[in-house]
Amino acid sequence: METYITNKLLKLYPTRIVEKLSSTNASLYRLIGTSAQEHGKTIKEFVEELGFTYITAQRGIRSTFDAITARLLLDEYGISQTELAKWQGISKQALSSKLRKKLWELIG
């Protein structure tokens, strides 16, 4: 199975730098996830043991998060959390979590 995965990765990433695997080839990503789990490793560890560099996507809000402005957009201008999250390039759940965290920092 490792040879099959290595060959598939080489076709997709001839430079041996693996980026955006889950969105580029979801079925290969799942196969690698299953194989990694069977070996007791993370996907990153498994792919790197095959001789590739695995670059994970940055998570969360990529810019400076201004909770006060976000609250203003939500409360005063009627922007939905879903719309604001799309503008930020994150999920609604990530936005909600960030707002709760910032709120506690402000009142804490």
PDB file of N, CA and C in Angstrom:
ATOM      1  N   MET A   1       0.817  -1.195   0.000  1.00  0.00           N
ATOM      2  CA  MET A   1       0.000   0.000   0.000  1.00  0.00           C
ATOM      3  C   MET A   1       0.865   1.264   0.000  1.00  0.00           C
ATOM      4  N   GLU A   2       1.989   1.223   0.711  1.00  0.00           N
ATOM      5  CA  GLU A   2       2.855   2.398   0.780  1.00  0.00           C
ATOM      6  C   GLU A   2       3.415   2.750  -0.601  1.00  0.00           C
ATOM      7  N   THR A   3       3.737   1.731  -1.401  1.00  0.00           N
ATOM      8  CA  THR A   3       4.249   1.980  -2.754  1.00  0.00           C
ATOM      9  C   THR A   3       3.176   2.639  -3.608  1.00  0.00           C
ATOM     10  N   TYR A   4       1.958   2.151  -3.505  1.00  0.00           N
ATOM     11  CA  TYR A   4       0.833   2.724  -4.247  1.00  0.00           C
ATOM     12  C   TYR A   4       0.648   4.191  -3.866  1.00  0.00           C
ATOM     13  N   ILE A   5       0.644   4.480  -2.562  1.00  0.00           N
ATOM     14  CA  ILE A   5       0.465   5.851  -2.082  1.00  0.00           C
ATOM     15  C   ILE A   5       1.615   6.737  -2.550  1.00  0.00           C
ATOM     16  N   THR A   6       2.842   6.230  -2.453  1.00  0.00           N
ATOM     17  CA  THR A   6       4.008   6.998  -2.892  1.00  0.00           C
ATOM     18  C   THR A   6       3.899   7.351  -4.370  1.00  0.00           C
ATOM     19  N   ASN A   7       3.524   6.389  -5.194  1.00  0.00           N
ATOM     20  CA  ASN A   7       3.390   6.634  -6.637  1.00  0.00           C
ATOM     21  C   ASN A   7       2.295   7.656  -6.933  1.00  0.00           C
ATOM     22  N   LYS A   8       1.176   7.555  -6.232  1.00  0.00           N
ATOM     23  CA  LYS A   8       0.089   8.526  -6.414  1.00  0.00           C
ATOM     24  C   LYS A   8       0.542   9.932  -6.012  1.00  0.00           C
ATOM     25  N   LEU A   9       1.246  10.009  -4.885  1.00  0.00           N
ATOM     26  CA  LEU A   9       1.738  11.312  -4.427  1.00  0.00           C
ATOM     27  C   LEU A   9       2.735  11.907  -5.416  1.00  0.00           C
ATOM     28  N   LEU A  10       3.610  11.063  -5.967  1.00  0.00           N
ATOM     29  CA  LEU A  10       4.599  11.548  -6.939  1.00  0.00           C
ATOM     30  C   LEU A  10       3.937  12.107  -8.196  1.00  0.00           C
ATOM     31  N   LYS A  11       2.833  11.492  -8.622  1.00  0.00           N
ATOM     32  CA  LYS A  11       2.116  12.003  -9.790  1.00  0.00           C
ATOM     33  C   LYS A  11       1.509  13.373  -9.507  1.00  0.00           C
ATOM     34  N   LEU A  12       0.969  13.539  -8.299  1.00  0.00           N
ATOM     35  CA  LEU A  12       0.350  14.809  -7.932  1.00  0.00           C
ATOM     36  C   LEU A  12       1.366  15.873  -7.503  1.00  0.00           C
ATOM     37  N   TYR A  13       2.434  15.410  -6.855  1.00  0.00           N
ATOM     38  CA  TYR A  13       3.423  16.332  -6.281  1.00  0.00           C
ATOM     39  C   TYR A  13       4.840  15.900  -6.661  1.00  0.00           C
ATOM     40  N   PRO A  14       5.246  16.109  -7.918  1.00  0.00           N
ATOM     41  CA  PRO A  14       6.577  15.662  -8.350  1.00  0.00           C
ATOM     42  C   PRO A  14       7.727  16.355  -7.603  1.00  0.00           C
ATOM     43  N   THR A  15       7.451  17.494  -6.994  1.00  0.00           N
ATOM     44  CA  THR A  15       8.472  18.203  -6.215  1.00  0.00           C
ATOM     45  C   THR A  15       8.603  17.650  -4.800  1.00  0.00           C
ATOM     46  N   ARG A  16       7.716  16.692  -4.476  1.00  0.00           N
ATOM     47  CA  ARG A  16       7.665  16.064  -3.151  1.00  0.00           C
ATOM     48  C   ARG A  16       7.246  17.027  -2.044  1.00  0.00           C
ATOM     49  N   ILE A  17       6.560  18.095  -2.424  1.00  0.00           N
ATOM     50  CA  ILE A  17       5.997  19.033  -1.452  1.00  0.00           C
ATOM     51  C   ILE A  17       4.481  18.906  -1.560  1.00  0.00           C
ATOM     52  N   VAL A  18       3.874  18.337  -0.538  1.00  0.00           N
ATOM     53  CA  VAL A  18       2.444  18.043  -0.546  1.00  0.00           C
ATOM     54  C   VAL A  18       1.689  19.180   0.132  1.00  0.00           C
ATOM     55  N   GLU A  19       0.819  19.832  -0.635  1.00  0.00           N
ATOM     56  CA  GLU A  19      -0.030  20.909  -0.134  1.00  0.00           C
ATOM     57  C   GLU A  19      -1.461  20.669  -0.579  1.00  0.00           C
ATOM     58  N   LYS A  20      -2.408  21.062   0.239  1.00  0.00           N
ATOM     59  CA  LYS A  20      -3.830  21.014  -0.099  1.00  0.00           C
ATOM     60  C   LYS A  20      -4.274  19.644  -0.583  1.00  0.00           C
ATOM     61  N   LEU A  21      -3.749  18.612   0.018  1.00  0.00           N
ATOM     62  CA  LEU A  21      -4.063  17.243  -0.403  1.00  0.00           C
ATOM     63  C   LEU A  21      -5.541  16.929  -0.241  1.00  0.00           C
ATOM     64  N   SER A  22      -6.140  17.346   0.861  1.00  0.00           N
ATOM     65  CA  SER A  22      -7.547  17.005   1.098  1.00  0.00           C
ATOM     66  C   SER A  22      -8.468  17.607   0.048  1.00  0.00           C
ATOM     67  N   SER A  23      -8.136  18.777  -0.480  1.00  0.00           N
ATOM     68  CA  SER A  23      -8.981  19.381  -1.514  1.00  0.00           C
ATOM     69  C   SER A  23      -8.554  18.976  -2.921  1.00  0.00           C
ATOM     70  N   THR A  24      -7.297  18.587  -3.100  1.00  0.00           N
ATOM     71  CA  THR A  24      -6.814  18.172  -4.412  1.00  0.00           C
ATOM     72  C   THR A  24      -7.267  16.761  -4.757  1.00  0.00           C
ATOM     73  N   ASN A  25      -7.173  15.856  -3.783  1.00  0.00           N
ATOM     74  CA  ASN A  25      -7.535  14.463  -4.031  1.00  0.00           C
ATOM     75  C   ASN A  25      -8.066  13.857  -2.723  1.00  0.00           C
ATOM     76  N   ALA A  26      -9.358  14.045  -2.498  1.00  0.00           N
ATOM     77  CA  ALA A  26      -9.971  13.630  -1.234  1.00  0.00           C
ATOM     78  C   ALA A  26      -9.864  12.124  -0.997  1.00  0.00           C
ATOM     79  N   SER A  27      -9.987  11.327  -2.047  1.00  0.00           N
ATOM     80  CA  SER A  27      -9.929   9.871  -1.855  1.00  0.00           C
ATOM     81  C   SER A  27      -8.523   9.427  -1.449  1.00  0.00           C
ATOM     82  N   LEU A  28      -7.493  10.037  -2.029  1.00  0.00           N
ATOM     83  CA  LEU A  28      -6.116   9.713  -1.639  1.00  0.00           C
ATOM     84  C   LEU A  28      -5.862  10.183  -0.206  1.00  0.00           C
ATOM     85  N   TYR A  29      -6.394  11.336   0.136  1.00  0.00           N
ATOM     86  CA  TYR A  29      -6.251  11.858   1.492  1.00  0.00           C
ATOM     87  C   TYR A  29      -6.852  10.880   2.507  1.00  0.00           C
ATOM     88  N   ARG A  30      -8.052  10.358   2.203  1.00  0.00           N
ATOM     89  CA  ARG A  30      -8.687   9.385   3.100  1.00  0.00           C
ATOM     90  C   ARG A  30      -7.868   8.100   3.194  1.00  0.00           C
ATOM     91  N   LEU A  31      -7.342   7.642   2.058  1.00  0.00           N
ATOM     92  CA  LEU A  31      -6.524   6.427   2.044  1.00  0.00           C
ATOM     93  C   LEU A  31      -5.267   6.618   2.892  1.00  0.00           C
ATOM     94  N   ILE A  32      -4.639   7.767   2.742  1.00  0.00           N
ATOM     95  CA  ILE A  32      -3.434   8.066   3.537  1.00  0.00           C
ATOM     96  C   ILE A  32      -3.803   8.151   5.020  1.00  0.00           C
ATOM     97  N   GLY A  33      -4.950   8.768   5.317  1.00  0.00           N
ATOM     98  CA  GLY A  33      -5.404   8.865   6.706  1.00  0.00           C
ATOM     99  C   GLY A  33      -5.605   7.501   7.334  1.00  0.00           C
ATOM    100  N   THR A  34      -6.207   6.582   6.577  1.00  0.00           N
ATOM    101  CA  THR A  34      -6.429   5.221   7.067  1.00  0.00           C
ATOM    102  C   THR A  34      -5.099   4.504   7.278  1.00  0.00           C
ATOM    103  N   SER A  35      -4.196   4.619   6.302  1.00  0.00           N
ATOM    104  CA  SER A  35      -2.884   3.969   6.417  1.00  0.00           C
ATOM    105  C   SER A  35      -2.080   4.549   7.575  1.00  0.00           C
ATOM    106  N   ALA A  36      -2.139   5.862   7.732  1.00  0.00           N
ATOM    107  CA  ALA A  36      -1.418   6.508   8.831  1.00  0.00           C
ATOM    108  C   ALA A  36      -1.947   6.009  10.173  1.00  0.00           C
ATOM    109  N   GLN A  37      -3.261   5.917  10.268  1.00  0.00           N
ATOM    110  CA  GLN A  37      -3.879   5.451  11.507  1.00  0.00           C
ATOM    111  C   GLN A  37      -3.463   4.014  11.818  1.00  0.00           C
ATOM    112  N   GLU A  38      -3.408   3.170  10.794  1.00  0.00           N
ATOM    113  CA  GLU A  38      -2.980   1.783  10.988  1.00  0.00           C
ATOM    114  C   GLU A  38      -1.540   1.696  11.499  1.00  0.00           C
ATOM    115  N   HIS A  39      -0.724   2.687  11.147  1.00  0.00           N
ATOM    116  CA  HIS A  39       0.673   2.722  11.593  1.00  0.00           C
ATOM    117  C   HIS A  39       0.850   3.547  12.865  1.00  0.00           C
ATOM    118  N   GLY A  40      -0.261   4.051  13.409  1.00  0.00           N
ATOM    119  CA  GLY A  40      -0.197   4.843  14.635  1.00  0.00           C
ATOM    120  C   GLY A  40       0.455   6.199  14.435  1.00  0.00           C
ATOM    121  N   LYS A  41       0.264   6.775  13.255  1.00  0.00           N
ATOM    122  CA  LYS A  41       0.898   8.050  12.919  1.00  0.00           C
ATOM    123  C   LYS A  41      -0.140   9.060  12.455  1.00  0.00           C
ATOM    124  N   THR A  42       0.257  10.312  12.457  1.00  0.00           N
ATOM    125  CA  THR A  42      -0.573  11.344  11.854  1.00  0.00           C
ATOM    126  C   THR A  42      -0.349  11.300  10.347  1.00  0.00           C
ATOM    127  N   ILE A  43      -1.225  11.957   9.607  1.00  0.00           N
ATOM    128  CA  ILE A  43      -1.046  12.022   8.146  1.00  0.00           C
ATOM    129  C   ILE A  43       0.293  12.684   7.828  1.00  0.00           C
ATOM    130  N   LYS A  44       0.609  13.760   8.512  1.00  0.00           N
ATOM    131  CA  LYS A  44       1.876  14.469   8.288  1.00  0.00           C
ATOM    132  C   LYS A  44       3.066  13.541   8.516  1.00  0.00           C
ATOM    133  N   GLU A  45       3.071  12.828   9.624  1.00  0.00           N
ATOM    134  CA  GLU A  45       4.180  11.901   9.923  1.00  0.00           C
ATOM    135  C   GLU A  45       4.289  10.813   8.856  1.00  0.00           C
ATOM    136  N   PHE A  46       3.153  10.257   8.463  1.00  0.00           N
ATOM    137  CA  PHE A  46       3.142   9.178   7.475  1.00  0.00           C
ATOM    138  C   PHE A  46       3.681   9.657   6.129  1.00  0.00           C
ATOM    139  N   VAL A  47       3.191  10.796   5.667  1.00  0.00           N
ATOM    140  CA  VAL A  47       3.628  11.334   4.376  1.00  0.00           C
ATOM    141  C   VAL A  47       5.110  11.686   4.417  1.00  0.00           C
ATOM    142  N   GLU A  48       5.566  12.240   5.516  1.00  0.00           N
ATOM    143  CA  GLU A  48       6.979  12.610   5.621  1.00  0.00           C
ATOM    144  C   GLU A  48       7.883  11.382   5.687  1.00  0.00           C
ATOM    145  N   GLU A  49       7.391  10.288   6.265  1.00  0.00           N
ATOM    146  CA  GLU A  49       8.177   9.044   6.258  1.00  0.00           C
ATOM    147  C   GLU A  49       8.306   8.463   4.846  1.00  0.00           C
ATOM    148  N   LEU A  50       7.392   8.825   3.969  1.00  0.00           N
ATOM    149  CA  LEU A  50       7.462   8.384   2.573  1.00  0.00           C
ATOM    150  C   LEU A  50       8.411   9.267   1.748  1.00  0.00           C
ATOM    151  N   GLY A  51       8.984  10.283   2.382  1.00  0.00           N
ATOM    152  CA  GLY A  51       9.974  11.124   1.709  1.00  0.00           C
ATOM    153  C   GLY A  51       9.425  12.416   1.138  1.00  0.00           C
ATOM    154  N   PHE A  52       8.259  12.840   1.601  1.00  0.00           N
ATOM    155  CA  PHE A  52       7.650  14.079   1.128  1.00  0.00           C
ATOM    156  C   PHE A  52       7.639  15.110   2.245  1.00  0.00           C
ATOM    157  N   THR A  53       7.516  16.371   1.859  1.00  0.00           N
ATOM    158  CA  THR A  53       7.293  17.439   2.818  1.00  0.00           C
ATOM    159  C   THR A  53       5.800  17.702   2.824  1.00  0.00           C
ATOM    160  N   TYR A  54       5.191  17.692   3.998  1.00  0.00           N
ATOM    161  CA  TYR A  54       3.745  17.878   4.109  1.00  0.00           C
ATOM    162  C   TYR A  54       3.462  19.229   4.727  1.00  0.00           C
ATOM    163  N   ILE A  55       2.812  20.093   3.968  1.00  0.00           N
ATOM    164  CA  ILE A  55       2.495  21.431   4.444  1.00  0.00           C
ATOM    165  C   ILE A  55       1.020  21.476   4.799  1.00  0.00           C
ATOM    166  N   THR A  56       0.748  21.782   6.056  1.00  0.00           N
ATOM    167  CA  THR A  56      -0.641  21.854   6.503  1.00  0.00           C
ATOM    168  C   THR A  56      -1.171  23.266   6.302  1.00  0.00           C
ATOM    169  N   ALA A  57      -2.459  23.350   6.065  1.00  0.00           N
ATOM    170  CA  ALA A  57      -3.099  24.648   5.867  1.00  0.00           C
ATOM    171  C   ALA A  57      -3.174  25.388   7.190  1.00  0.00           C
ATOM    172  N   GLN A  58      -3.020  26.686   7.094  1.00  0.00           N
ATOM    173  CA  GLN A  58      -3.168  27.508   8.286  1.00  0.00           C
ATOM    174  C   GLN A  58      -4.635  27.506   8.676  1.00  0.00           C
ATOM    175  N   ARG A  59      -4.903  27.372   9.948  1.00  0.00           N
ATOM    176  CA  ARG A  59      -6.278  27.321  10.422  1.00  0.00           C
ATOM    177  C   ARG A  59      -6.646  28.590  11.158  1.00  0.00           C
ATOM    178  N   GLY A  60      -7.924  28.815  11.214  1.00  0.00           N
ATOM    179  CA  GLY A  60      -8.414  29.974  11.952  1.00  0.00           C
ATOM    180  C   GLY A  60      -8.338  31.247  11.124  1.00  0.00           C
ATOM    181  N   ILE A  61      -8.510  32.347  11.775  1.00  0.00           N
ATOM    182  CA  ILE A  61      -8.505  33.637  11.103  1.00  0.00           C
ATOM    183  C   ILE A  61      -7.063  34.030  10.814  1.00  0.00           C
ATOM    184  N   ARG A  62      -6.778  34.339   9.555  1.00  0.00           N
ATOM    185  CA  ARG A  62      -5.411  34.584   9.116  1.00  0.00           C
ATOM    186  C   ARG A  62      -4.961  36.019   9.329  1.00  0.00           C
ATOM    187  N   SER A  63      -5.879  36.889   9.632  1.00  0.00           N
ATOM    188  CA  SER A  63      -5.521  38.282   9.823  1.00  0.00           C
ATOM    189  C   SER A  63      -5.769  38.675  11.277  1.00  0.00           C
ATOM    190  N   THR A  64      -5.433  39.893  11.600  1.00  0.00           N
ATOM    191  CA  THR A  64      -5.697  40.390  12.937  1.00  0.00           C
ATOM    192  C   THR A  64      -7.205  40.414  13.133  1.00  0.00           C
ATOM    193  N   PHE A  65      -7.653  39.792  14.182  1.00  0.00           N
ATOM    194  CA  PHE A  65      -9.087  39.693  14.429  1.00  0.00           C
ATOM    195  C   PHE A  65      -9.516  40.813  15.340  1.00  0.00           C
ATOM    196  N   ASP A  66     -10.469  41.590  14.895  1.00  0.00           N
ATOM    197  CA  ASP A  66     -10.997  42.700  15.675  1.00  0.00           C
ATOM    198  C   ASP A  66     -12.410  42.330  16.113  1.00  0.00           C
ATOM    199  N   ALA A  67     -12.534  41.844  17.328  1.00  0.00           N
ATOM    200  CA  ALA A  67     -13.825  41.380  17.844  1.00  0.00           C
ATOM    201  C   ALA A  67     -14.829  42.512  17.959  1.00  0.00           C
ATOM    202  N   ILE A  68     -14.364  43.700  18.260  1.00  0.00           N
ATOM    203  CA  ILE A  68     -15.280  44.841  18.410  1.00  0.00           C
ATOM    204  C   ILE A  68     -15.914  45.187  17.066  1.00  0.00           C
ATOM    205  N   THR A  69     -15.114  45.247  16.015  1.00  0.00           N
ATOM    206  CA  THR A  69     -15.642  45.525  14.679  1.00  0.00           C
ATOM    207  C   THR A  69     -16.563  44.395  14.216  1.00  0.00           C
ATOM    208  N   ALA A  70     -16.172  43.160  14.514  1.00  0.00           N
ATOM    209  CA  ALA A  70     -17.005  42.016  14.139  1.00  0.00           C
ATOM    210  C   ALA A  70     -18.364  42.108  14.829  1.00  0.00           C
ATOM    211  N   ARG A  71     -18.377  42.418  16.121  1.00  0.00           N
ATOM    212  CA  ARG A  71     -19.644  42.554  16.851  1.00  0.00           C
ATOM    213  C   ARG A  71     -20.482  43.674  16.258  1.00  0.00           C
ATOM    214  N   LEU A  72     -19.841  44.788  15.900  1.00  0.00           N
ATOM    215  CA  LEU A  72     -20.547  45.912  15.295  1.00  0.00           C
ATOM    216  C   LEU A  72     -21.202  45.493  13.979  1.00  0.00           C
ATOM    217  N   LEU A  73     -20.464  44.780  13.151  1.00  0.00           N
ATOM    218  CA  LEU A  73     -21.027  44.298  11.881  1.00  0.00           C
ATOM    219  C   LEU A  73     -22.205  43.360  12.123  1.00  0.00           C
ATOM    220  N   LEU A  74     -22.066  42.507  13.106  1.00  0.00           N
ATOM    221  CA  LEU A  74     -23.125  41.546  13.405  1.00  0.00           C
ATOM    222  C   LEU A  74     -24.356  42.217  14.022  1.00  0.00           C
ATOM    223  N   ASP A  75     -24.127  43.070  15.014  1.00  0.00           N
ATOM    224  CA  ASP A  75     -25.231  43.633  15.784  1.00  0.00           C
ATOM    225  C   ASP A  75     -25.867  44.863  15.133  1.00  0.00           C
ATOM    226  N   GLU A  76     -25.043  45.771  14.655  1.00  0.00           N
ATOM    227  CA  GLU A  76     -25.574  47.045  14.143  1.00  0.00           C
ATOM    228  C   GLU A  76     -25.909  47.018  12.652  1.00  0.00           C
ATOM    229  N   TYR A  77     -25.203  46.213  11.889  1.00  0.00           N
ATOM    230  CA  TYR A  77     -25.415  46.211  10.446  1.00  0.00           C
ATOM    231  C   TYR A  77     -26.115  44.957   9.940  1.00  0.00           C
ATOM    232  N   GLY A  78     -26.447  44.060  10.845  1.00  0.00           N
ATOM    233  CA  GLY A  78     -27.230  42.894  10.471  1.00  0.00           C
ATOM    234  C   GLY A  78     -26.519  41.866   9.615  1.00  0.00           C
ATOM    235  N   ILE A  79     -25.191  41.894   9.610  1.00  0.00           N
ATOM    236  CA  ILE A  79     -24.434  40.887   8.879  1.00  0.00           C
ATOM    237  C   ILE A  79     -24.548  39.568   9.654  1.00  0.00           C
ATOM    238  N   SER A  80     -24.772  38.478   8.963  1.00  0.00           N
ATOM    239  CA  SER A  80     -24.868  37.185   9.654  1.00  0.00           C
ATOM    240  C   SER A  80     -23.468  36.637   9.941  1.00  0.00           C
ATOM    241  N   GLN A  81     -23.394  35.750  10.920  1.00  0.00           N
ATOM    242  CA  GLN A  81     -22.100  35.112  11.214  1.00  0.00           C
ATOM    243  C   GLN A  81     -21.619  34.324  10.005  1.00  0.00           C
ATOM    244  N   THR A  82     -22.539  33.739   9.272  1.00  0.00           N
ATOM    245  CA  THR A  82     -22.166  32.971   8.080  1.00  0.00           C
ATOM    246  C   THR A  82     -21.506  33.881   7.048  1.00  0.00           C
ATOM    247  N   GLU A  83     -22.096  35.060   6.805  1.00  0.00           N
ATOM    248  CA  GLU A  83     -21.521  36.005   5.842  1.00  0.00           C
ATOM    249  C   GLU A  83     -20.145  36.499   6.308  1.00  0.00           C
ATOM    250  N   LEU A  84     -20.066  36.868   7.581  1.00  0.00           N
ATOM    251  CA  LEU A  84     -18.800  37.372   8.123  1.00  0.00           C
ATOM    252  C   LEU A  84     -17.715  36.300   8.059  1.00  0.00           C
ATOM    253  N   ALA A  85     -18.086  35.071   8.361  1.00  0.00           N
ATOM    254  CA  ALA A  85     -17.127  33.968   8.295  1.00  0.00           C
ATOM    255  C   ALA A  85     -16.622  33.783   6.863  1.00  0.00           C
ATOM    256  N   LYS A  86     -17.517  33.879   5.873  1.00  0.00           N
ATOM    257  CA  LYS A  86     -17.102  33.766   4.466  1.00  0.00           C
ATOM    258  C   LYS A  86     -16.107  34.865   4.112  1.00  0.00           C
ATOM    259  N   TRP A  87     -16.375  36.092   4.563  1.00  0.00           N
ATOM    260  CA  TRP A  87     -15.468  37.204   4.304  1.00  0.00           C
ATOM    261  C   TRP A  87     -14.089  36.945   4.900  1.00  0.00           C
ATOM    262  N   GLN A  88     -14.080  36.296   6.060  1.00  0.00           N
ATOM    263  CA  GLN A  88     -12.821  36.006   6.743  1.00  0.00           C
ATOM    264  C   GLN A  88     -12.146  34.743   6.196  1.00  0.00           C
ATOM    265  N   GLY A  89     -12.879  33.955   5.423  1.00  0.00           N
ATOM    266  CA  GLY A  89     -12.314  32.723   4.874  1.00  0.00           C
ATOM    267  C   GLY A  89     -12.234  31.604   5.901  1.00  0.00           C
ATOM    268  N   ILE A  90     -13.172  31.611   6.851  1.00  0.00           N
ATOM    269  CA  ILE A  90     -13.206  30.597   7.905  1.00  0.00           C
ATOM    270  C   ILE A  90     -14.622  30.055   8.033  1.00  0.00           C
ATOM    271  N   SER A  91     -14.799  29.040   8.852  1.00  0.00           N
ATOM    272  CA  SER A  91     -16.129  28.486   9.086  1.00  0.00           C
ATOM    273  C   SER A  91     -16.881  29.352  10.092  1.00  0.00           C
ATOM    274  N   LYS A  92     -18.195  29.219  10.091  1.00  0.00           N
ATOM    275  CA  LYS A  92     -19.024  29.934  11.055  1.00  0.00           C
ATOM    276  C   LYS A  92     -18.658  29.519  12.478  1.00  0.00           C
ATOM    277  N   GLN A  93     -18.343  28.228  12.661  1.00  0.00           N
ATOM    278  CA  GLN A  93     -17.981  27.729  13.991  1.00  0.00           C
ATOM    279  C   GLN A  93     -16.679  28.369  14.476  1.00  0.00           C
ATOM    280  N   ALA A  94     -15.717  28.534  13.561  1.00  0.00           N
ATOM    281  CA  ALA A  94     -14.444  29.158  13.939  1.00  0.00           C
ATOM    282  C   ALA A  94     -14.657  30.618  14.324  1.00  0.00           C
ATOM    283  N   LEU A  95     -15.516  31.304  13.577  1.00  0.00           N
ATOM    284  CA  LEU A  95     -15.825  32.702  13.896  1.00  0.00           C
ATOM    285  C   LEU A  95     -16.483  32.798  15.268  1.00  0.00           C
ATOM    286  N   SER A  96     -17.470  31.964  15.506  1.00  0.00           N
ATOM    287  CA  SER A  96     -18.174  31.969  16.787  1.00  0.00           C
ATOM    288  C   SER A  96     -17.212  31.712  17.940  1.00  0.00           C
ATOM    289  N   SER A  97     -16.331  30.755  17.757  1.00  0.00           N
ATOM    290  CA  SER A  97     -15.345  30.432  18.785  1.00  0.00           C
ATOM    291  C   SER A  97     -14.421  31.619  19.046  1.00  0.00           C
ATOM    292  N   LYS A  98     -13.975  32.256  17.983  1.00  0.00           N
ATOM    293  CA  LYS A  98     -13.079  33.403  18.109  1.00  0.00           C
ATOM    294  C   LYS A  98     -13.783  34.563  18.817  1.00  0.00           C
ATOM    295  N   LEU A  99     -15.046  34.785  18.481  1.00  0.00           N
ATOM    296  CA  LEU A  99     -15.792  35.852  19.138  1.00  0.00           C
ATOM    297  C   LEU A  99     -15.951  35.587  20.631  1.00  0.00           C
ATOM    298  N   ARG A 100     -16.265  34.338  20.992  1.00  0.00           N
ATOM    299  CA  ARG A 100     -16.399  33.992  22.416  1.00  0.00           C
ATOM    300  C   ARG A 100     -15.075  34.186  23.144  1.00  0.00           C
ATOM    301  N   LYS A 101     -13.988  33.733  22.533  1.00  0.00           N
ATOM    302  CA  LYS A 101     -12.673  33.858  23.156  1.00  0.00           C
ATOM    303  C   LYS A 101     -12.306  35.325  23.373  1.00  0.00           C
ATOM    304  N   LYS A 102     -12.515  36.144  22.349  1.00  0.00           N
ATOM    305  CA  LYS A 102     -12.171  37.568  22.452  1.00  0.00           C
ATOM    306  C   LYS A 102     -13.064  38.266  23.474  1.00  0.00           C
ATOM    307  N   LEU A 103     -14.334  37.870  23.544  1.00  0.00           N
ATOM    308  CA  LEU A 103     -15.248  38.467  24.507  1.00  0.00           C
ATOM    309  C   LEU A 103     -14.748  38.205  25.929  1.00  0.00           C
ATOM    310  N   TRP A 104     -14.330  36.977  26.203  1.00  0.00           N
ATOM    311  CA  TRP A 104     -13.817  36.648  27.540  1.00  0.00           C
ATOM    312  C   TRP A 104     -12.529  37.396  27.842  1.00  0.00           C
ATOM    313  N   GLU A 105     -11.704  37.623  26.823  1.00  0.00           N
ATOM    314  CA  GLU A 105     -10.474  38.395  27.036  1.00  0.00           C
ATOM    315  C   GLU A 105     -10.804  39.851  27.388  1.00  0.00           C
ATOM    316  N   LEU A 106     -11.847  40.381  26.726  1.00  0.00           N
ATOM    317  CA  LEU A 106     -12.219  41.789  26.971  1.00  0.00           C
ATOM    318  C   LEU A 106     -12.845  42.000  28.336  1.00  0.00           C
ATOM    319  N   ILE A 107     -13.673  41.027  28.794  1.00  0.00           N
ATOM    320  CA  ILE A 107     -14.343  41.221  30.088  1.00  0.00           C
ATOM    321  C   ILE A 107     -13.599  40.554  31.234  1.00  0.00           C
ATOM    322  N   GLY A 108     -12.626  39.704  30.898  1.00  0.00           N
ATOM    323  CA  GLY A 108     -11.906  38.956  31.911  1.00  0.00           C
ATOM    324  C   GLY A 108     -10.908  39.795  32.599  1.00  0.00           C
TER     325      GLY A 108
END
